[in-house]
Amino acid sequence: MSLLHHAADAEEVLQETNLVLWRKFEEYQPGTDFVRWAYGIAHYEVLKVYEARSREKRLFSDKFMAMLATEAQTSLDLLEARRQALTCCLGKLSPTDRELVYRRYQPGASTRSVAEALGRSVQGARQALHRIRAALLACVGRTLAREGTA
């Protein structure tokens, strides 16, 4: 959506990308970054839309669109680094704290329902979650800083 002007164009590109991913799935190398591979295919599908519409008046230059694509990839890389750091930091929590976090972020869960399931007070669960979130935020920050991705 960040590379195309119209939502309908973005939906069309998404559908075309899905078809290409399905057709070329045998070319995917297990163990490599699937999201990056899929993003590359989506980028080529966006370029096809640009080429097909090259006769129409465009709002942005090819250079600007390439810059947006690069920025989108950078954002994707940072998001993946943050996800990996969070996974690592969750692994450092005590089993009790990790269970509290996992239970709280299940679909439909609330602090109240988790507290009741674990036999804790709602206020105690709320305070524990606040403390754990702060610790996770600090851990992710340290991890990204250490890796130079912050």
N, C-alpha and C. Protein backbone atom coordinates (compact mmCIF):
# COMPACT_ATOMS: atom_id res chain seq x y z
N MET A 1 0.82 -1.19 0.00
CA MET A 1 0.00 0.00 0.00
C MET A 1 0.87 1.25 0.00
N SER A 2 2.05 1.17 0.65
CA SER A 2 2.91 2.36 0.70
C SER A 2 3.52 2.69 -0.66
N LEU A 3 3.47 1.76 -1.61
CA LEU A 3 4.07 1.99 -2.92
C LEU A 3 3.06 2.32 -4.01
N LEU A 4 1.79 2.16 -3.70
CA LEU A 4 0.76 2.40 -4.71
C LEU A 4 -0.22 3.47 -4.22
N HIS A 5 -0.81 4.16 -5.15
CA HIS A 5 -1.69 5.28 -4.80
C HIS A 5 -3.09 4.82 -4.40
N HIS A 6 -3.58 3.76 -5.01
CA HIS A 6 -4.95 3.32 -4.79
C HIS A 6 -5.01 1.98 -4.07
N ALA A 7 -5.98 1.87 -3.16
CA ALA A 7 -6.17 0.62 -2.43
C ALA A 7 -6.48 -0.53 -3.37
N ALA A 8 -7.25 -0.26 -4.43
CA ALA A 8 -7.59 -1.32 -5.39
C ALA A 8 -6.33 -1.84 -6.08
N ASP A 9 -5.40 -0.96 -6.40
CA ASP A 9 -4.14 -1.39 -7.00
C ASP A 9 -3.35 -2.26 -6.02
N ALA A 10 -3.34 -1.86 -4.76
CA ALA A 10 -2.62 -2.64 -3.75
C ALA A 10 -3.24 -4.02 -3.59
N GLU A 11 -4.56 -4.10 -3.60
CA GLU A 11 -5.23 -5.39 -3.50
C GLU A 11 -4.92 -6.26 -4.70
N GLU A 12 -4.90 -5.67 -5.88
CA GLU A 12 -4.57 -6.42 -7.10
C GLU A 12 -3.14 -6.95 -7.04
N VAL A 13 -2.22 -6.11 -6.59
CA VAL A 13 -0.83 -6.53 -6.47
C VAL A 13 -0.70 -7.65 -5.44
N LEU A 14 -1.42 -7.54 -4.34
CA LEU A 14 -1.40 -8.59 -3.34
C LEU A 14 -1.87 -9.92 -3.93
N GLN A 15 -2.95 -9.89 -4.70
CA GLN A 15 -3.45 -11.11 -5.33
C GLN A 15 -2.45 -11.68 -6.32
N GLU A 16 -1.87 -10.82 -7.14
CA GLU A 16 -0.87 -11.28 -8.11
C GLU A 16 0.36 -11.84 -7.39
N THR A 17 0.77 -11.18 -6.32
CA THR A 17 1.91 -11.66 -5.55
C THR A 17 1.62 -13.04 -4.98
N ASN A 18 0.43 -13.22 -4.43
CA ASN A 18 0.06 -14.53 -3.90
C ASN A 18 0.11 -15.61 -4.97
N LEU A 19 -0.37 -15.28 -6.17
CA LEU A 19 -0.33 -16.25 -7.26
C LEU A 19 1.11 -16.60 -7.63
N VAL A 20 1.97 -15.60 -7.72
CA VAL A 20 3.37 -15.84 -8.06
C VAL A 20 4.05 -16.66 -6.96
N LEU A 21 3.78 -16.30 -5.71
CA LEU A 21 4.35 -17.07 -4.60
C LEU A 21 3.93 -18.54 -4.68
N TRP A 22 2.69 -18.77 -5.00
CA TRP A 22 2.18 -20.14 -5.11
C TRP A 22 2.87 -20.88 -6.25
N ARG A 23 2.96 -20.20 -7.43
CA ARG A 23 3.57 -20.83 -8.60
C ARG A 23 5.06 -21.09 -8.39
N LYS A 24 5.74 -20.20 -7.70
CA LYS A 24 7.20 -20.29 -7.55
C LYS A 24 7.63 -20.88 -6.22
N PHE A 25 6.71 -21.42 -5.45
CA PHE A 25 7.05 -21.89 -4.11
C PHE A 25 8.18 -22.92 -4.12
N GLU A 26 8.26 -23.74 -5.17
CA GLU A 26 9.34 -24.73 -5.26
C GLU A 26 10.71 -24.07 -5.37
N GLU A 27 10.75 -22.82 -5.82
CA GLU A 27 12.01 -22.09 -5.94
C GLU A 27 12.48 -21.52 -4.61
N TYR A 28 11.57 -21.43 -3.64
CA TYR A 28 11.94 -20.90 -2.32
C TYR A 28 12.93 -21.85 -1.65
N GLN A 29 13.97 -21.29 -1.07
CA GLN A 29 15.00 -22.06 -0.39
C GLN A 29 14.69 -22.12 1.10
N PRO A 30 14.27 -23.29 1.61
CA PRO A 30 13.99 -23.39 3.05
C PRO A 30 15.19 -22.94 3.87
N GLY A 31 14.90 -22.27 4.96
CA GLY A 31 15.95 -21.75 5.82
C GLY A 31 16.32 -20.31 5.50
N THR A 32 15.86 -19.81 4.35
CA THR A 32 16.10 -18.40 4.03
C THR A 32 14.90 -17.58 4.49
N ASP A 33 15.01 -16.28 4.40
CA ASP A 33 13.98 -15.37 4.89
C ASP A 33 12.79 -15.33 3.92
N PHE A 34 11.71 -16.02 4.27
CA PHE A 34 10.53 -16.08 3.41
C PHE A 34 9.93 -14.69 3.19
N VAL A 35 9.86 -13.89 4.25
CA VAL A 35 9.25 -12.57 4.13
C VAL A 35 10.02 -11.71 3.14
N ARG A 36 11.35 -11.76 3.19
CA ARG A 36 12.17 -10.98 2.25
C ARG A 36 11.94 -11.46 0.82
N TRP A 37 11.85 -12.78 0.64
CA TRP A 37 11.61 -13.36 -0.69
C TRP A 37 10.25 -12.89 -1.21
N ALA A 38 9.23 -12.98 -0.37
CA ALA A 38 7.88 -12.57 -0.77
C ALA A 38 7.84 -11.06 -1.05
N TYR A 39 8.54 -10.30 -0.23
CA TYR A 39 8.57 -8.85 -0.43
C TYR A 39 9.20 -8.51 -1.78
N GLY A 40 10.25 -9.22 -2.14
CA GLY A 40 10.90 -8.99 -3.44
C GLY A 40 9.94 -9.26 -4.59
N ILE A 41 9.18 -10.32 -4.49
CA ILE A 41 8.20 -10.63 -5.53
C ILE A 41 7.13 -9.54 -5.58
N ALA A 42 6.67 -9.10 -4.43
CA ALA A 42 5.66 -8.03 -4.39
C ALA A 42 6.21 -6.76 -5.02
N HIS A 43 7.48 -6.48 -4.77
CA HIS A 43 8.09 -5.27 -5.35
C HIS A 43 8.06 -5.35 -6.89
N TYR A 44 8.38 -6.51 -7.44
CA TYR A 44 8.33 -6.67 -8.89
C TYR A 44 6.90 -6.53 -9.42
N GLU A 45 5.94 -7.00 -8.66
CA GLU A 45 4.54 -6.84 -9.07
C GLU A 45 4.15 -5.36 -9.07
N VAL A 46 4.64 -4.60 -8.11
CA VAL A 46 4.39 -3.16 -8.08
C VAL A 46 5.01 -2.50 -9.31
N LEU A 47 6.23 -2.92 -9.65
CA LEU A 47 6.89 -2.35 -10.83
C LEU A 47 6.10 -2.65 -12.10
N LYS A 48 5.46 -3.81 -12.17
CA LYS A 48 4.62 -4.14 -13.32
C LYS A 48 3.45 -3.16 -13.43
N VAL A 49 2.88 -2.81 -12.28
CA VAL A 49 1.77 -1.84 -12.29
C VAL A 49 2.29 -0.50 -12.79
N TYR A 50 3.46 -0.08 -12.31
CA TYR A 50 4.03 1.20 -12.78
C TYR A 50 4.23 1.18 -14.29
N GLU A 51 4.77 0.07 -14.78
CA GLU A 51 5.05 -0.04 -16.21
C GLU A 51 3.74 0.00 -17.02
N ALA A 52 2.74 -0.72 -16.54
CA ALA A 52 1.46 -0.76 -17.24
C ALA A 52 0.79 0.61 -17.25
N ARG A 53 1.05 1.38 -16.26
CA ARG A 53 0.41 2.69 -16.15
C ARG A 53 1.35 3.84 -16.51
N SER A 54 2.45 3.51 -17.17
CA SER A 54 3.47 4.53 -17.45
C SER A 54 2.93 5.66 -18.32
N ARG A 55 1.89 5.39 -19.07
CA ARG A 55 1.32 6.45 -19.93
C ARG A 55 0.43 7.40 -19.14
N GLU A 56 -0.04 6.95 -18.00
CA GLU A 56 -0.88 7.80 -17.16
C GLU A 56 0.00 8.79 -16.41
N LYS A 57 -0.61 9.86 -16.00
CA LYS A 57 0.11 10.84 -15.19
C LYS A 57 0.38 10.22 -13.82
N ARG A 58 1.62 10.25 -13.40
CA ARG A 58 1.98 9.70 -12.09
C ARG A 58 2.24 10.83 -11.12
N LEU A 59 1.89 10.56 -9.86
CA LEU A 59 2.11 11.56 -8.83
C LEU A 59 3.57 11.63 -8.41
N PHE A 60 4.27 10.48 -8.47
CA PHE A 60 5.64 10.42 -7.96
C PHE A 60 6.58 9.86 -9.01
N SER A 61 7.82 10.30 -8.94
CA SER A 61 8.84 9.83 -9.88
C SER A 61 9.28 8.41 -9.52
N ASP A 62 9.92 7.75 -10.49
CA ASP A 62 10.46 6.41 -10.25
C ASP A 62 11.50 6.44 -9.13
N LYS A 63 12.29 7.51 -9.09
CA LYS A 63 13.32 7.64 -8.06
C LYS A 63 12.67 7.69 -6.67
N PHE A 64 11.62 8.48 -6.55
CA PHE A 64 10.93 8.59 -5.27
C PHE A 64 10.31 7.26 -4.87
N MET A 65 9.70 6.56 -5.82
CA MET A 65 9.08 5.27 -5.54
C MET A 65 10.12 4.24 -5.12
N ALA A 66 11.30 4.29 -5.75
CA ALA A 66 12.39 3.38 -5.36
C ALA A 66 12.84 3.70 -3.93
N MET A 67 12.87 4.98 -3.60
CA MET A 67 13.24 5.38 -2.25
C MET A 67 12.21 4.87 -1.24
N LEU A 68 10.92 4.94 -1.57
CA LEU A 68 9.88 4.41 -0.70
C LEU A 68 10.04 2.90 -0.51
N ALA A 69 10.36 2.22 -1.59
CA ALA A 69 10.55 0.76 -1.51
C ALA A 69 11.72 0.42 -0.60
N THR A 70 12.79 1.18 -0.70
CA THR A 70 13.96 0.96 0.15
C THR A 70 13.61 1.22 1.60
N GLU A 71 12.87 2.29 1.84
CA GLU A 71 12.45 2.62 3.21
C GLU A 71 11.54 1.54 3.78
N ALA A 72 10.65 1.01 2.95
CA ALA A 72 9.76 -0.06 3.40
C ALA A 72 10.57 -1.30 3.78
N GLN A 73 11.60 -1.62 2.99
CA GLN A 73 12.45 -2.77 3.30
C GLN A 73 13.22 -2.54 4.59
N THR A 74 13.71 -1.33 4.80
CA THR A 74 14.43 -1.01 6.02
C THR A 74 13.51 -1.17 7.23
N SER A 75 12.27 -0.70 7.08
CA SER A 75 11.30 -0.84 8.17
C SER A 75 11.02 -2.31 8.46
N LEU A 76 10.92 -3.11 7.40
CA LEU A 76 10.69 -4.54 7.56
C LEU A 76 11.86 -5.19 8.29
N ASP A 77 13.07 -4.80 7.94
CA ASP A 77 14.26 -5.35 8.59
C ASP A 77 14.29 -4.98 10.07
N LEU A 78 13.96 -3.73 10.39
CA LEU A 78 13.95 -3.30 11.79
C LEU A 78 12.87 -4.03 12.57
N LEU A 79 11.72 -4.21 11.97
CA LEU A 79 10.64 -4.94 12.62
C LEU A 79 11.07 -6.38 12.91
N GLU A 80 11.74 -7.01 11.97
CA GLU A 80 12.21 -8.38 12.17
C GLU A 80 13.27 -8.43 13.28
N ALA A 81 14.17 -7.46 13.32
CA ALA A 81 15.19 -7.40 14.38
C ALA A 81 14.52 -7.24 15.74
N ARG A 82 13.50 -6.39 15.82
CA ARG A 82 12.77 -6.20 17.07
C ARG A 82 12.05 -7.48 17.49
N ARG A 83 11.45 -8.20 16.51
CA ARG A 83 10.76 -9.44 16.82
C ARG A 83 11.74 -10.48 17.36
N GLN A 84 12.91 -10.58 16.74
CA GLN A 84 13.91 -11.54 17.21
C GLN A 84 14.42 -11.17 18.59
N ALA A 85 14.63 -9.88 18.83
CA ALA A 85 15.09 -9.44 20.15
C ALA A 85 14.03 -9.74 21.20
N LEU A 86 12.76 -9.49 20.87
CA LEU A 86 11.69 -9.78 21.83
C LEU A 86 11.62 -11.27 22.14
N THR A 87 11.76 -12.11 21.13
CA THR A 87 11.75 -13.55 21.35
C THR A 87 12.87 -13.95 22.30
N CYS A 88 14.06 -13.39 22.08
CA CYS A 88 15.20 -13.67 22.95
C CYS A 88 14.92 -13.19 24.38
N CYS A 89 14.38 -12.00 24.50
CA CYS A 89 14.10 -11.43 25.83
C CYS A 89 13.00 -12.20 26.55
N LEU A 90 12.00 -12.66 25.83
CA LEU A 90 10.96 -13.49 26.46
C LEU A 90 11.56 -14.76 27.03
N GLY A 91 12.56 -15.29 26.34
CA GLY A 91 13.24 -16.49 26.81
C GLY A 91 14.01 -16.28 28.09
N LYS A 92 14.35 -15.04 28.40
CA LYS A 92 15.10 -14.72 29.61
C LYS A 92 14.20 -14.52 30.83
N LEU A 93 12.89 -14.43 30.61
CA LEU A 93 11.96 -14.26 31.73
C LEU A 93 11.87 -15.54 32.55
N SER A 94 11.47 -15.38 33.78
CA SER A 94 11.22 -16.57 34.61
C SER A 94 10.02 -17.30 34.01
N PRO A 95 9.91 -18.60 34.24
CA PRO A 95 8.76 -19.34 33.70
C PRO A 95 7.42 -18.75 34.14
N THR A 96 7.33 -18.27 35.37
CA THR A 96 6.08 -17.68 35.87
C THR A 96 5.74 -16.41 35.10
N ASP A 97 6.73 -15.53 34.91
CA ASP A 97 6.50 -14.29 34.18
C ASP A 97 6.17 -14.57 32.72
N ARG A 98 6.88 -15.51 32.11
CA ARG A 98 6.64 -15.86 30.70
C ARG A 98 5.21 -16.40 30.53
N GLU A 99 4.76 -17.24 31.45
CA GLU A 99 3.41 -17.78 31.37
C GLU A 99 2.38 -16.67 31.48
N LEU A 100 2.61 -15.72 32.38
CA LEU A 100 1.69 -14.60 32.54
C LEU A 100 1.58 -13.81 31.23
N VAL A 101 2.71 -13.52 30.61
CA VAL A 101 2.71 -12.77 29.35
C VAL A 101 2.01 -13.56 28.25
N TYR A 102 2.38 -14.83 28.09
CA TYR A 102 1.76 -15.65 27.04
C TYR A 102 0.25 -15.75 27.23
N ARG A 103 -0.19 -15.97 28.45
CA ARG A 103 -1.63 -16.08 28.70
C ARG A 103 -2.33 -14.76 28.41
N ARG A 104 -1.72 -13.64 28.80
CA ARG A 104 -2.36 -12.34 28.62
C ARG A 104 -2.55 -12.00 27.15
N TYR A 105 -1.63 -12.43 26.29
CA TYR A 105 -1.71 -12.05 24.89
C TYR A 105 -2.34 -13.12 24.00
N GLN A 106 -3.08 -14.03 24.59
CA GLN A 106 -3.88 -14.97 23.82
C GLN A 106 -5.13 -14.24 23.35
N PRO A 107 -5.65 -14.59 22.18
CA PRO A 107 -6.88 -13.93 21.69
C PRO A 107 -8.01 -14.02 22.72
N GLY A 108 -8.63 -12.89 22.98
CA GLY A 108 -9.76 -12.84 23.90
C GLY A 108 -9.40 -12.77 25.37
N ALA A 109 -8.10 -12.86 25.68
CA ALA A 109 -7.69 -12.84 27.08
C ALA A 109 -7.72 -11.40 27.61
N SER A 110 -7.96 -11.30 28.91
CA SER A 110 -7.90 -10.01 29.59
C SER A 110 -7.05 -10.20 30.84
N THR A 111 -6.61 -9.11 31.41
CA THR A 111 -5.84 -9.22 32.64
C THR A 111 -6.67 -9.91 33.72
N ARG A 112 -7.95 -9.58 33.76
CA ARG A 112 -8.84 -10.20 34.75
C ARG A 112 -8.94 -11.71 34.54
N SER A 113 -9.17 -12.15 33.31
CA SER A 113 -9.32 -13.59 33.05
C SER A 113 -8.03 -14.35 33.35
N VAL A 114 -6.89 -13.74 33.04
CA VAL A 114 -5.60 -14.39 33.32
C VAL A 114 -5.36 -14.46 34.82
N ALA A 115 -5.64 -13.37 35.52
CA ALA A 115 -5.47 -13.35 36.97
C ALA A 115 -6.31 -14.44 37.62
N GLU A 116 -7.56 -14.54 37.20
CA GLU A 116 -8.44 -15.57 37.76
C GLU A 116 -7.94 -16.97 37.46
N ALA A 117 -7.46 -17.20 36.23
CA ALA A 117 -6.96 -18.52 35.85
C ALA A 117 -5.72 -18.91 36.64
N LEU A 118 -4.91 -17.91 37.00
CA LEU A 118 -3.67 -18.18 37.73
C LEU A 118 -3.83 -18.03 39.24
N GLY A 119 -5.03 -17.68 39.69
CA GLY A 119 -5.26 -17.52 41.12
C GLY A 119 -4.56 -16.30 41.70
N ARG A 120 -4.45 -15.25 40.90
CA ARG A 120 -3.82 -14.01 41.35
C ARG A 120 -4.86 -12.92 41.42
N SER A 121 -4.54 -11.86 42.16
CA SER A 121 -5.44 -10.71 42.17
C SER A 121 -5.26 -9.96 40.85
N VAL A 122 -6.31 -9.28 40.43
CA VAL A 122 -6.25 -8.51 39.19
C VAL A 122 -5.19 -7.43 39.30
N GLN A 123 -5.17 -6.73 40.44
CA GLN A 123 -4.18 -5.67 40.63
C GLN A 123 -2.77 -6.24 40.63
N GLY A 124 -2.57 -7.38 41.26
CA GLY A 124 -1.24 -8.01 41.27
C GLY A 124 -0.79 -8.42 39.87
N ALA A 125 -1.71 -8.97 39.08
CA ALA A 125 -1.40 -9.35 37.70
C ALA A 125 -1.09 -8.12 36.87
N ARG A 126 -1.88 -7.05 37.09
CA ARG A 126 -1.66 -5.80 36.35
C ARG A 126 -0.27 -5.23 36.66
N GLN A 127 0.10 -5.20 37.92
CA GLN A 127 1.42 -4.69 38.32
C GLN A 127 2.54 -5.56 37.77
N ALA A 128 2.36 -6.88 37.83
CA ALA A 128 3.38 -7.79 37.31
C ALA A 128 3.55 -7.59 35.81
N LEU A 129 2.45 -7.46 35.08
CA LEU A 129 2.54 -7.23 33.64
C LEU A 129 3.23 -5.91 33.33
N HIS A 130 2.94 -4.88 34.10
CA HIS A 130 3.61 -3.58 33.90
C HIS A 130 5.12 -3.73 34.09
N ARG A 131 5.52 -4.42 35.16
CA ARG A 131 6.94 -4.64 35.44
C ARG A 131 7.60 -5.46 34.33
N ILE A 132 6.92 -6.51 33.88
CA ILE A 132 7.46 -7.38 32.83
C ILE A 132 7.60 -6.63 31.52
N ARG A 133 6.58 -5.85 31.16
CA ARG A 133 6.65 -5.07 29.91
C ARG A 133 7.81 -4.09 29.94
N ALA A 134 8.02 -3.44 31.08
CA ALA A 134 9.14 -2.50 31.21
C ALA A 134 10.47 -3.23 31.05
N ALA A 135 10.58 -4.41 31.66
CA ALA A 135 11.80 -5.20 31.56
C ALA A 135 12.03 -5.66 30.11
N LEU A 136 10.97 -6.07 29.43
CA LEU A 136 11.09 -6.50 28.03
C LEU A 136 11.49 -5.34 27.14
N LEU A 137 10.90 -4.18 27.37
CA LEU A 137 11.26 -3.00 26.58
C LEU A 137 12.73 -2.66 26.75
N ALA A 138 13.21 -2.68 27.98
CA ALA A 138 14.62 -2.39 28.24
C ALA A 138 15.53 -3.45 27.60
N CYS A 139 15.14 -4.70 27.72
CA CYS A 139 15.93 -5.79 27.15
C CYS A 139 16.00 -5.68 25.63
N VAL A 140 14.87 -5.41 24.99
CA VAL A 140 14.86 -5.26 23.53
C VAL A 140 15.75 -4.09 23.12
N GLY A 141 15.65 -2.99 23.84
CA GLY A 141 16.49 -1.83 23.55
C GLY A 141 17.97 -2.15 23.65
N ARG A 142 18.35 -2.85 24.73
CA ARG A 142 19.75 -3.24 24.90
C ARG A 142 20.21 -4.18 23.79
N THR A 143 19.37 -5.13 23.47
CA THR A 143 19.71 -6.11 22.42
C THR A 143 19.92 -5.43 21.07
N LEU A 144 19.00 -4.53 20.71
CA LEU A 144 19.14 -3.82 19.43
C LEU A 144 20.35 -2.91 19.43
N ALA A 145 20.63 -2.27 20.55
CA ALA A 145 21.80 -1.39 20.64
C ALA A 145 23.09 -2.21 20.50
N ARG A 146 23.11 -3.37 21.14
CA ARG A 146 24.28 -4.24 21.07
C ARG A 146 24.51 -4.72 19.64
N GLU A 147 23.42 -4.98 18.92
CA GLU A 147 23.53 -5.45 17.53
C GLU A 147 23.66 -4.30 16.54
N GLY A 148 23.54 -3.08 17.03
CA GLY A 148 23.67 -1.92 16.16
C GLY A 148 22.46 -1.69 15.26
N THR A 149 21.30 -2.20 15.65
CA THR A 149 20.10 -2.00 14.84
C THR A 149 19.12 -1.03 15.46
N ALA A 150 19.48 -0.43 16.58
CA ALA A 150 18.58 0.50 17.27
C ALA A 150 18.53 1.82 16.55
